Amino acid sequence: MRRQMALQVKVSDIIGLNLNETISLLTQRALLADADNVRKEFKISDKKFWWLKVRALAQTRNWPELEKFAKSKKSPIGYSPFVMACIENNNKAEAIRYIERVS
C-alpha cells in the first residue's frame, strides 16, 4: 500500500489494485521502470512478470515496446504468449514475428 501511495503521484487510479493489476497498469501507462521496481520489491517471478507485461503491452498496442521486450533476453514463458497476445489484440502481422521463435 505504501508503494502504491508513492506511485499515486504518477498514476492517480492505482490505489486498491492488487500486484498484478498494479504491474499491468504501470506497463499500460508506459511506466516500465516503475513496473520493474514493483516486480523487484515484491519478488514477482520472472514468468509472472513476463505474462503480465506481454498482455499489458499488447492491450495498449505498444508493438515496438513488445518487440523490444521480446529481444531483451530469452523469454522464460516462451513466445507462444507473444503470438496469442498479438492475435487477441487483432494484429496478426505482429504475431508472425514471434511464430518462428515458438519451439
N, C-alpha and C. Protein backbone atom coordinates (compact mmCIF):
# COMPACT_ATOMS: atom_id res chain seq x y z
N MET A 1 0.82 -1.19 0.00
CA MET A 1 0.00 0.00 0.00
C MET A 1 0.87 1.26 0.00
N ARG A 2 1.96 1.21 0.76
CA ARG A 2 2.86 2.35 0.80
C ARG A 2 3.45 2.63 -0.59
N ARG A 3 3.79 1.55 -1.28
CA ARG A 3 4.35 1.68 -2.64
C ARG A 3 3.31 2.31 -3.57
N GLN A 4 2.06 1.89 -3.42
CA GLN A 4 1.00 2.45 -4.25
C GLN A 4 0.80 3.94 -3.96
N MET A 5 0.91 4.31 -2.71
CA MET A 5 0.77 5.72 -2.34
C MET A 5 1.84 6.55 -3.04
N ALA A 6 3.06 6.03 -3.08
CA ALA A 6 4.15 6.75 -3.74
C ALA A 6 3.90 6.85 -5.25
N LEU A 7 3.33 5.80 -5.83
CA LEU A 7 3.06 5.80 -7.27
C LEU A 7 1.82 6.61 -7.64
N GLN A 8 1.00 6.93 -6.66
CA GLN A 8 -0.24 7.66 -6.92
C GLN A 8 0.04 9.02 -7.57
N VAL A 9 1.20 9.58 -7.31
CA VAL A 9 1.58 10.86 -7.92
C VAL A 9 1.60 10.73 -9.44
N LYS A 10 2.09 9.58 -9.94
CA LYS A 10 2.18 9.34 -11.37
C LYS A 10 0.89 8.77 -11.96
N VAL A 11 0.23 7.91 -11.18
CA VAL A 11 -0.97 7.21 -11.66
C VAL A 11 -2.04 7.33 -10.58
N SER A 12 -2.99 8.20 -10.79
CA SER A 12 -3.97 8.51 -9.74
C SER A 12 -4.90 7.35 -9.39
N ASP A 13 -5.17 6.44 -10.32
CA ASP A 13 -6.13 5.37 -10.06
C ASP A 13 -5.49 4.04 -9.67
N ILE A 14 -4.34 4.10 -8.99
CA ILE A 14 -3.60 2.89 -8.65
C ILE A 14 -3.96 2.33 -7.26
N ILE A 15 -4.48 3.15 -6.39
CA ILE A 15 -4.77 2.71 -5.02
C ILE A 15 -5.84 1.63 -5.04
N GLY A 16 -5.59 0.57 -4.29
CA GLY A 16 -6.55 -0.52 -4.14
C GLY A 16 -6.37 -1.65 -5.13
N LEU A 17 -5.44 -1.51 -6.07
CA LEU A 17 -5.20 -2.58 -7.04
C LEU A 17 -4.30 -3.64 -6.43
N ASN A 18 -4.47 -4.89 -6.86
CA ASN A 18 -3.54 -5.93 -6.40
C ASN A 18 -2.24 -5.80 -7.20
N LEU A 19 -1.24 -6.63 -6.86
CA LEU A 19 0.07 -6.51 -7.51
C LEU A 19 0.00 -6.73 -9.01
N ASN A 20 -0.75 -7.73 -9.45
CA ASN A 20 -0.86 -7.99 -10.88
C ASN A 20 -1.47 -6.80 -11.60
N GLU A 21 -2.52 -6.26 -11.06
CA GLU A 21 -3.18 -5.10 -11.66
C GLU A 21 -2.27 -3.88 -11.65
N THR A 22 -1.52 -3.72 -10.58
CA THR A 22 -0.59 -2.59 -10.47
C THR A 22 0.49 -2.66 -11.55
N ILE A 23 1.09 -3.83 -11.71
CA ILE A 23 2.13 -4.00 -12.73
C ILE A 23 1.54 -3.80 -14.12
N SER A 24 0.37 -4.35 -14.36
CA SER A 24 -0.28 -4.18 -15.67
C SER A 24 -0.58 -2.72 -15.97
N LEU A 25 -1.13 -2.02 -14.99
CA LEU A 25 -1.46 -0.61 -15.19
C LEU A 25 -0.22 0.23 -15.45
N LEU A 26 0.83 -0.01 -14.67
CA LEU A 26 2.08 0.73 -14.88
C LEU A 26 2.64 0.46 -16.27
N THR A 27 2.57 -0.76 -16.71
CA THR A 27 3.06 -1.12 -18.05
C THR A 27 2.20 -0.46 -19.12
N GLN A 28 0.90 -0.49 -18.94
CA GLN A 28 0.00 0.14 -19.90
C GLN A 28 0.24 1.64 -20.00
N ARG A 29 0.63 2.25 -18.90
CA ARG A 29 0.88 3.70 -18.89
C ARG A 29 2.32 4.03 -19.27
N ALA A 30 3.06 3.02 -19.72
CA ALA A 30 4.45 3.17 -20.16
C ALA A 30 5.39 3.58 -19.02
N LEU A 31 5.04 3.22 -17.81
CA LEU A 31 5.91 3.44 -16.65
C LEU A 31 6.65 2.13 -16.36
N LEU A 32 7.46 1.74 -17.34
CA LEU A 32 8.09 0.42 -17.32
C LEU A 32 9.11 0.26 -16.19
N ALA A 33 9.85 1.30 -15.90
CA ALA A 33 10.81 1.23 -14.80
C ALA A 33 10.09 1.05 -13.46
N ASP A 34 8.96 1.73 -13.29
CA ASP A 34 8.18 1.59 -12.07
C ASP A 34 7.61 0.17 -11.95
N ALA A 35 7.14 -0.37 -13.07
CA ALA A 35 6.62 -1.75 -13.06
C ALA A 35 7.73 -2.72 -12.66
N ASP A 36 8.93 -2.50 -13.20
CA ASP A 36 10.05 -3.37 -12.86
C ASP A 36 10.45 -3.22 -11.39
N ASN A 37 10.38 -2.01 -10.87
CA ASN A 37 10.70 -1.79 -9.45
C ASN A 37 9.70 -2.50 -8.54
N VAL A 38 8.42 -2.47 -8.90
CA VAL A 38 7.40 -3.19 -8.13
C VAL A 38 7.68 -4.68 -8.17
N ARG A 39 8.04 -5.19 -9.36
CA ARG A 39 8.38 -6.61 -9.51
C ARG A 39 9.52 -7.00 -8.57
N LYS A 40 10.56 -6.19 -8.55
CA LYS A 40 11.71 -6.49 -7.70
C LYS A 40 11.37 -6.38 -6.22
N GLU A 41 10.67 -5.32 -5.86
CA GLU A 41 10.34 -5.08 -4.45
C GLU A 41 9.49 -6.21 -3.86
N PHE A 42 8.55 -6.71 -4.66
CA PHE A 42 7.64 -7.73 -4.16
C PHE A 42 8.00 -9.13 -4.63
N LYS A 43 9.19 -9.26 -5.22
CA LYS A 43 9.73 -10.55 -5.64
C LYS A 43 8.77 -11.35 -6.51
N ILE A 44 8.22 -10.68 -7.52
CA ILE A 44 7.36 -11.33 -8.50
C ILE A 44 8.26 -12.16 -9.41
N SER A 45 7.89 -13.40 -9.67
CA SER A 45 8.72 -14.27 -10.51
C SER A 45 8.82 -13.71 -11.93
N ASP A 46 9.91 -14.08 -12.59
CA ASP A 46 10.11 -13.65 -13.97
C ASP A 46 8.95 -14.10 -14.86
N LYS A 47 8.52 -15.35 -14.68
CA LYS A 47 7.43 -15.87 -15.51
C LYS A 47 6.16 -15.03 -15.34
N LYS A 48 5.79 -14.76 -14.12
CA LYS A 48 4.57 -13.98 -13.86
C LYS A 48 4.70 -12.58 -14.45
N PHE A 49 5.87 -11.97 -14.22
CA PHE A 49 6.09 -10.62 -14.73
C PHE A 49 6.02 -10.57 -16.25
N TRP A 50 6.63 -11.54 -16.91
CA TRP A 50 6.61 -11.58 -18.37
C TRP A 50 5.18 -11.74 -18.88
N TRP A 51 4.39 -12.61 -18.27
CA TRP A 51 2.99 -12.77 -18.68
C TRP A 51 2.25 -11.44 -18.58
N LEU A 52 2.39 -10.79 -17.45
CA LEU A 52 1.69 -9.52 -17.23
C LEU A 52 2.12 -8.45 -18.22
N LYS A 53 3.42 -8.36 -18.44
CA LYS A 53 3.94 -7.31 -19.31
C LYS A 53 3.55 -7.56 -20.77
N VAL A 54 3.62 -8.80 -21.21
CA VAL A 54 3.24 -9.12 -22.59
C VAL A 54 1.78 -8.75 -22.83
N ARG A 55 0.92 -9.16 -21.93
CA ARG A 55 -0.51 -8.85 -22.08
C ARG A 55 -0.77 -7.35 -22.07
N ALA A 56 -0.15 -6.64 -21.13
CA ALA A 56 -0.37 -5.20 -21.00
C ALA A 56 0.13 -4.44 -22.23
N LEU A 57 1.29 -4.81 -22.73
CA LEU A 57 1.83 -4.14 -23.91
C LEU A 57 0.95 -4.39 -25.14
N ALA A 58 0.46 -5.61 -25.27
CA ALA A 58 -0.41 -5.94 -26.40
C ALA A 58 -1.76 -5.22 -26.28
N GLN A 59 -2.30 -5.15 -25.07
CA GLN A 59 -3.59 -4.48 -24.88
C GLN A 59 -3.52 -3.00 -25.25
N THR A 60 -2.38 -2.39 -25.01
CA THR A 60 -2.22 -0.98 -25.36
C THR A 60 -1.64 -0.80 -26.76
N ARG A 61 -1.46 -1.94 -27.44
CA ARG A 61 -0.95 -1.94 -28.82
C ARG A 61 0.41 -1.26 -28.93
N ASN A 62 1.22 -1.45 -27.91
CA ASN A 62 2.56 -0.89 -27.90
C ASN A 62 3.51 -1.92 -28.52
N TRP A 63 3.36 -2.11 -29.84
CA TRP A 63 4.11 -3.15 -30.55
C TRP A 63 5.62 -2.92 -30.53
N PRO A 64 6.11 -1.70 -30.68
CA PRO A 64 7.58 -1.52 -30.62
C PRO A 64 8.16 -1.95 -29.26
N GLU A 65 7.46 -1.61 -28.19
CA GLU A 65 7.96 -1.98 -26.86
C GLU A 65 7.84 -3.49 -26.64
N LEU A 66 6.80 -4.11 -27.19
CA LEU A 66 6.65 -5.56 -27.08
C LEU A 66 7.80 -6.27 -27.78
N GLU A 67 8.15 -5.79 -28.96
CA GLU A 67 9.26 -6.39 -29.69
C GLU A 67 10.58 -6.18 -28.95
N LYS A 68 10.77 -5.00 -28.42
CA LYS A 68 11.98 -4.71 -27.64
C LYS A 68 12.06 -5.63 -26.42
N PHE A 69 10.93 -5.84 -25.77
CA PHE A 69 10.89 -6.73 -24.60
C PHE A 69 11.22 -8.16 -25.01
N ALA A 70 10.67 -8.61 -26.12
CA ALA A 70 10.93 -9.97 -26.60
C ALA A 70 12.41 -10.21 -26.89
N LYS A 71 13.09 -9.16 -27.32
CA LYS A 71 14.51 -9.27 -27.66
C LYS A 71 15.43 -9.00 -26.48
N SER A 72 14.88 -8.56 -25.35
CA SER A 72 15.71 -8.15 -24.22
C SER A 72 16.51 -9.30 -23.61
N LYS A 73 15.92 -10.46 -23.56
CA LYS A 73 16.60 -11.67 -23.11
C LYS A 73 15.70 -12.85 -23.46
N LYS A 74 16.17 -14.05 -23.24
CA LYS A 74 15.37 -15.23 -23.57
C LYS A 74 14.12 -15.25 -22.70
N SER A 75 12.99 -15.40 -23.33
CA SER A 75 11.71 -15.38 -22.63
C SER A 75 11.55 -16.61 -21.72
N PRO A 76 11.28 -16.40 -20.43
CA PRO A 76 11.05 -17.54 -19.53
C PRO A 76 9.68 -18.20 -19.75
N ILE A 77 8.83 -17.59 -20.56
CA ILE A 77 7.50 -18.13 -20.83
C ILE A 77 7.37 -18.61 -22.28
N GLY A 78 8.45 -18.55 -23.02
CA GLY A 78 8.40 -18.91 -24.43
C GLY A 78 7.81 -17.76 -25.25
N TYR A 79 7.49 -18.05 -26.49
CA TYR A 79 6.99 -16.99 -27.36
C TYR A 79 5.54 -17.20 -27.79
N SER A 80 4.95 -18.31 -27.38
CA SER A 80 3.51 -18.51 -27.65
C SER A 80 2.66 -17.42 -27.04
N PRO A 81 2.94 -16.97 -25.81
CA PRO A 81 2.14 -15.88 -25.24
C PRO A 81 2.23 -14.58 -26.06
N PHE A 82 3.35 -14.34 -26.69
CA PHE A 82 3.50 -13.16 -27.54
C PHE A 82 2.57 -13.30 -28.76
N VAL A 83 2.59 -14.48 -29.36
CA VAL A 83 1.74 -14.75 -30.52
C VAL A 83 0.27 -14.57 -30.14
N MET A 84 -0.14 -15.22 -29.05
CA MET A 84 -1.54 -15.17 -28.62
C MET A 84 -1.97 -13.74 -28.27
N ALA A 85 -1.11 -13.00 -27.61
CA ALA A 85 -1.45 -11.62 -27.23
C ALA A 85 -1.64 -10.75 -28.48
N CYS A 86 -0.81 -10.97 -29.47
CA CYS A 86 -0.95 -10.20 -30.73
C CYS A 86 -2.26 -10.56 -31.43
N ILE A 87 -2.55 -11.84 -31.51
CA ILE A 87 -3.78 -12.29 -32.17
C ILE A 87 -5.02 -11.79 -31.43
N GLU A 88 -4.99 -11.89 -30.09
CA GLU A 88 -6.12 -11.43 -29.28
C GLU A 88 -6.37 -9.93 -29.44
N ASN A 89 -5.33 -9.21 -29.81
CA ASN A 89 -5.45 -7.76 -29.99
C ASN A 89 -5.41 -7.38 -31.47
N ASN A 90 -5.85 -8.32 -32.29
CA ASN A 90 -6.08 -8.10 -33.72
C ASN A 90 -4.87 -7.61 -34.51
N ASN A 91 -3.73 -8.21 -34.24
CA ASN A 91 -2.55 -7.84 -35.03
C ASN A 91 -1.82 -9.12 -35.45
N LYS A 92 -2.35 -9.74 -36.49
CA LYS A 92 -1.75 -10.98 -36.99
C LYS A 92 -0.37 -10.76 -37.57
N ALA A 93 -0.16 -9.60 -38.17
CA ALA A 93 1.15 -9.29 -38.75
C ALA A 93 2.23 -9.27 -37.66
N GLU A 94 1.89 -8.72 -36.51
CA GLU A 94 2.84 -8.69 -35.39
C GLU A 94 3.06 -10.11 -34.85
N ALA A 95 2.00 -10.91 -34.82
CA ALA A 95 2.10 -12.28 -34.32
C ALA A 95 3.10 -13.10 -35.14
N ILE A 96 3.15 -12.84 -36.43
CA ILE A 96 4.07 -13.57 -37.32
C ILE A 96 5.52 -13.41 -36.89
N ARG A 97 5.85 -12.25 -36.33
CA ARG A 97 7.24 -12.01 -35.86
C ARG A 97 7.68 -13.02 -34.80
N TYR A 98 6.73 -13.51 -34.02
CA TYR A 98 7.06 -14.38 -32.89
C TYR A 98 6.85 -15.85 -33.20
N ILE A 99 6.11 -16.16 -34.26
CA ILE A 99 5.80 -17.56 -34.57
C ILE A 99 7.07 -18.38 -34.80
N GLU A 100 8.05 -17.81 -35.51
CA GLU A 100 9.28 -18.56 -35.77
C GLU A 100 10.08 -18.84 -34.51
N ARG A 101 9.82 -18.11 -33.43
CA ARG A 101 10.54 -18.32 -32.16
C ARG A 101 9.87 -19.38 -31.28
N VAL A 102 8.63 -19.73 -31.63
CA VAL A 102 7.90 -20.73 -30.84
C VAL A 102 8.56 -22.08 -31.06
N SER A 103 8.88 -22.76 -29.96
CA SER A 103 9.53 -24.07 -30.10
C SER A 103 8.68 -25.16 -29.53
